[in-house]
Amino acid sequence: MSATAKTATEAFAKAIEWHVVQKFNDVSIRVDVSRYSIAEFASMLAAGKLIVISKTSWTTQEEASLRFMGIAGETLTAVSKELNRSECAIRHRLKKLGLGTVKTAKGKLKVSTSPAPRRWTADEENKLD
């Protein structure tokens, strides 16, 4: 059984309802590709690490903000919090816009305004040989 929620708080409330009221065991909450137990989700929610779960369309303003924050050298985490979207959603939009992320010396991911690296084509690989 599954349910879709627009916010992390709604997802948490539904999980608690299923676990306590309906007596379901092993209730988990999925965000992007990760699954969390109720306790793990509660900890992340309390720490402010969870954002919007629903998949809403990107506005032109959000894309402009994403590009601007990339030029400013913001980290992926900061951009995620500012735009109220998951880091996974930010990476997907960057890819769609032809942008990417780079690792800093401290190991944090920053938004990059450079084009995302692409794979070599078979033709290009043959030329290298």
C-alpha atoms as a PDB file:
ATOM      1  CA  MET A   1       0.000   0.000   0.000  1.00  0.00           C
ATOM      2  CA  SER A   2       1.253   3.502  -0.711  1.00  0.00           C
ATOM      3  CA  ALA A   3       0.146   7.109  -0.442  1.00  0.00           C
ATOM      4  CA  THR A   4       1.443  10.345  -1.926  1.00  0.00           C
ATOM      5  CA  ALA A   5       2.038  13.385   0.256  1.00  0.00           C
ATOM      6  CA  LYS A   6       2.938  16.941  -0.672  1.00  0.00           C
ATOM      7  CA  THR A   7       5.079  17.587   2.388  1.00  0.00           C
ATOM      8  CA  ALA A   8       7.303  15.600   4.695  1.00  0.00           C
ATOM      9  CA  THR A   9       4.946  16.405   7.576  1.00  0.00           C
ATOM     10  CA  GLU A  10       1.982  14.911   5.695  1.00  0.00           C
ATOM     11  CA  ALA A  11       3.986  11.776   4.905  1.00  0.00           C
ATOM     12  CA  PHE A  12       4.979  11.431   8.561  1.00  0.00           C
ATOM     13  CA  ALA A  13       1.366  11.862   9.739  1.00  0.00           C
ATOM     14  CA  LYS A  14       0.142   9.200   7.297  1.00  0.00           C
ATOM     15  CA  ALA A  15       2.868   6.764   8.403  1.00  0.00           C
ATOM     16  CA  ILE A  16       1.974   7.286  12.070  1.00  0.00           C
ATOM     17  CA  GLU A  17      -1.706   6.773  11.263  1.00  0.00           C
ATOM     18  CA  TRP A  18      -0.987   3.503   9.475  1.00  0.00           C
ATOM     19  CA  HIS A  19       1.299   2.264  12.226  1.00  0.00           C
ATOM     20  CA  VAL A  20      -0.749   3.289  15.293  1.00  0.00           C
ATOM     21  CA  VAL A  21      -4.375   3.380  14.160  1.00  0.00           C
ATOM     22  CA  GLN A  22      -4.381   0.690  11.496  1.00  0.00           C
ATOM     23  CA  LYS A  23      -1.758  -1.467  13.284  1.00  0.00           C
ATOM     24  CA  PHE A  24       0.437  -1.936  10.190  1.00  0.00           C
ATOM     25  CA  ASN A  25       3.939  -3.231  10.910  1.00  0.00           C
ATOM     26  CA  ASP A  26       7.110  -2.216   9.095  1.00  0.00           C
ATOM     27  CA  VAL A  27       5.750   1.108   7.834  1.00  0.00           C
ATOM     28  CA  SER A  28       8.383   2.994   5.851  1.00  0.00           C
ATOM     29  CA  ILE A  29       8.471   6.340   4.099  1.00  0.00           C
ATOM     30  CA  ARG A  30      10.094   6.720   0.695  1.00  0.00           C
ATOM     31  CA  VAL A  31      11.747   9.958  -0.392  1.00  0.00           C
ATOM     32  CA  ASP A  32      13.179   9.872  -3.911  1.00  0.00           C
ATOM     33  CA  VAL A  33      14.950   6.478  -3.905  1.00  0.00           C
ATOM     34  CA  SER A  34      15.570   6.167  -0.139  1.00  0.00           C
ATOM     35  CA  ARG A  35      13.324   4.434   2.395  1.00  0.00           C
ATOM     36  CA  TYR A  36      13.145   5.462   6.053  1.00  0.00           C
ATOM     37  CA  SER A  37      11.607   3.897   9.141  1.00  0.00           C
ATOM     38  CA  ILE A  38       9.278   6.144  11.136  1.00  0.00           C
ATOM     39  CA  ALA A  39      12.060   6.761  13.692  1.00  0.00           C
ATOM     40  CA  GLU A  40      14.638   7.637  11.004  1.00  0.00           C
ATOM     41  CA  PHE A  41      12.175   9.912   9.250  1.00  0.00           C
ATOM     42  CA  ALA A  42      11.287  11.647  12.530  1.00  0.00           C
ATOM     43  CA  SER A  43      14.982  12.311  13.220  1.00  0.00           C
ATOM     44  CA  MET A  44      15.541  13.738   9.738  1.00  0.00           C
ATOM     45  CA  LEU A  45      12.370  15.811   9.959  1.00  0.00           C
ATOM     46  CA  ALA A  46      13.453  17.246  13.318  1.00  0.00           C
ATOM     47  CA  ALA A  47      16.901  18.067  11.916  1.00  0.00           C
ATOM     48  CA  GLY A  48      15.340  19.910   8.969  1.00  0.00           C
ATOM     49  CA  LYS A  49      16.856  17.523   6.428  1.00  0.00           C
ATOM     50  CA  LEU A  50      13.588  16.648   4.682  1.00  0.00           C
ATOM     51  CA  ILE A  51      11.897  18.912   2.248  1.00  0.00           C
ATOM     52  CA  VAL A  52       8.946  18.652  -0.151  1.00  0.00           C
ATOM     53  CA  ILE A  53       8.185  15.165  -1.384  1.00  0.00           C
ATOM     54  CA  SER A  54       5.741  15.863  -4.184  1.00  0.00           C
ATOM     55  CA  LYS A  55       6.859  16.295  -7.744  1.00  0.00           C
ATOM     56  CA  THR A  56       5.699  19.747  -8.792  1.00  0.00           C
ATOM     57  CA  SER A  57       6.637  21.499 -12.011  1.00  0.00           C
ATOM     58  CA  TRP A  58       9.586  23.864 -12.000  1.00  0.00           C
ATOM     59  CA  THR A  59       8.806  27.520 -12.602  1.00  0.00           C
ATOM     60  CA  THR A  60      10.918  29.822 -14.736  1.00  0.00           C
ATOM     61  CA  GLN A  61      11.731  31.759 -11.544  1.00  0.00           C
ATOM     62  CA  GLU A  62      13.000  28.610  -9.795  1.00  0.00           C
ATOM     63  CA  GLU A  63      15.217  27.737 -12.760  1.00  0.00           C
ATOM     64  CA  ALA A  64      16.588  31.291 -12.795  1.00  0.00           C
ATOM     65  CA  SER A  65      17.266  31.057  -9.051  1.00  0.00           C
ATOM     66  CA  LEU A  66      19.011  27.724  -9.575  1.00  0.00           C
ATOM     67  CA  ARG A  67      21.295  29.242 -12.218  1.00  0.00           C
ATOM     68  CA  PHE A  68      21.965  32.325 -10.075  1.00  0.00           C
ATOM     69  CA  MET A  69      22.868  30.208  -7.025  1.00  0.00           C
ATOM     70  CA  GLY A  70      25.162  28.175  -9.265  1.00  0.00           C
ATOM     71  CA  ILE A  71      26.961  31.323 -10.381  1.00  0.00           C
ATOM     72  CA  ALA A  72      27.211  32.351  -6.718  1.00  0.00           C
ATOM     73  CA  GLY A  73      28.839  28.987  -5.922  1.00  0.00           C
ATOM     74  CA  GLU A  74      26.173  27.731  -3.512  1.00  0.00           C
ATOM     75  CA  THR A  75      26.319  24.159  -2.236  1.00  0.00           C
ATOM     76  CA  LEU A  76      23.771  21.611  -3.346  1.00  0.00           C
ATOM     77  CA  THR A  77      22.411  21.460   0.206  1.00  0.00           C
ATOM     78  CA  ALA A  78      21.921  25.240   0.369  1.00  0.00           C
ATOM     79  CA  VAL A  79      20.189  25.306  -3.016  1.00  0.00           C
ATOM     80  CA  SER A  80      17.964  22.415  -1.952  1.00  0.00           C
ATOM     81  CA  LYS A  81      16.836  24.243   1.182  1.00  0.00           C
ATOM     82  CA  GLU A  82      16.362  27.569  -0.583  1.00  0.00           C
ATOM     83  CA  LEU A  83      14.223  26.087  -3.374  1.00  0.00           C
ATOM     84  CA  ASN A  84      12.441  23.665  -1.042  1.00  0.00           C
ATOM     85  CA  ARG A  85      13.328  20.675  -3.237  1.00  0.00           C
ATOM     86  CA  SER A  86      15.285  17.490  -2.629  1.00  0.00           C
ATOM     87  CA  GLU A  87      18.939  17.318  -3.628  1.00  0.00           C
ATOM     88  CA  CYS A  88      17.959  14.594  -6.081  1.00  0.00           C
ATOM     89  CA  ALA A  89      15.419  16.949  -7.712  1.00  0.00           C
ATOM     90  CA  ILE A  90      18.083  19.671  -7.933  1.00  0.00           C
ATOM     91  CA  ARG A  91      20.552  17.290  -9.628  1.00  0.00           C
ATOM     92  CA  HIS A  92      17.879  16.151 -12.118  1.00  0.00           C
ATOM     93  CA  ARG A  93      16.956  19.737 -13.013  1.00  0.00           C
ATOM     94  CA  LEU A  94      20.626  20.686 -13.377  1.00  0.00           C
ATOM     95  CA  LYS A  95      21.091  17.794 -15.786  1.00  0.00           C
ATOM     96  CA  LYS A  96      18.016  18.843 -17.773  1.00  0.00           C
ATOM     97  CA  LEU A  97      19.402  22.394 -17.970  1.00  0.00           C
ATOM     98  CA  GLY A  98      22.751  21.049 -19.179  1.00  0.00           C
ATOM     99  CA  LEU A  99      24.474  21.919 -15.905  1.00  0.00           C
ATOM    100  CA  GLY A 100      25.944  19.803 -13.144  1.00  0.00           C
ATOM    101  CA  THR A 101      27.677  19.696  -9.785  1.00  0.00           C
ATOM    102  CA  VAL A 102      31.321  19.776  -8.738  1.00  0.00           C
ATOM    103  CA  LYS A 103      32.975  18.614  -5.522  1.00  0.00           C
ATOM    104  CA  THR A 104      34.746  21.223  -3.416  1.00  0.00           C
ATOM    105  CA  ALA A 105      38.027  20.611  -1.607  1.00  0.00           C
ATOM    106  CA  LYS A 106      35.988  19.891   1.532  1.00  0.00           C
ATOM    107  CA  GLY A 107      33.952  17.251  -0.325  1.00  0.00           C
ATOM    108  CA  LYS A 108      30.718  19.251  -0.574  1.00  0.00           C
ATOM    109  CA  LEU A 109      28.785  19.349  -3.823  1.00  0.00           C
ATOM    110  CA  LYS A 110      28.410  22.762  -5.414  1.00  0.00           C
ATOM    111  CA  VAL A 111      26.161  23.719  -8.280  1.00  0.00           C
ATOM    112  CA  SER A 112      28.220  24.227 -11.406  1.00  0.00           C
ATOM    113  CA  THR A 113      27.304  26.529 -14.270  1.00  0.00           C
ATOM    114  CA  SER A 114      29.592  24.519 -16.535  1.00  0.00           C
ATOM    115  CA  PRO A 115      27.940  21.971 -18.771  1.00  0.00           C
ATOM    116  CA  ALA A 116      27.596  18.556 -17.190  1.00  0.00           C
ATOM    117  CA  PRO A 117      30.194  16.072 -18.451  1.00  0.00           C
ATOM    118  CA  ARG A 118      28.923  13.707 -21.096  1.00  0.00           C
ATOM    119  CA  ARG A 119      30.003  10.218 -22.093  1.00  0.00           C
ATOM    120  CA  TRP A 120      32.245   9.683 -25.081  1.00  0.00           C
ATOM    121  CA  THR A 121      30.458   8.423 -28.173  1.00  0.00           C
ATOM    122  CA  ALA A 122      31.692   5.194 -29.782  1.00  0.00           C
ATOM    123  CA  ASP A 123      32.991   7.286 -32.692  1.00  0.00           C
ATOM    124  CA  GLU A 124      34.997   9.531 -30.339  1.00  0.00           C
ATOM    125  CA  GLU A 125      36.422   6.527 -28.493  1.00  0.00           C
ATOM    126  CA  ASN A 126      37.570   4.992 -31.801  1.00  0.00           C
ATOM    127  CA  LYS A 127      39.382   8.235 -32.681  1.00  0.00           C
ATOM    128  CA  LEU A 128      41.275   8.056 -29.386  1.00  0.00           C
ATOM    129  CA  ASP A 129      42.704   4.621 -30.224  1.00  0.00           C
END
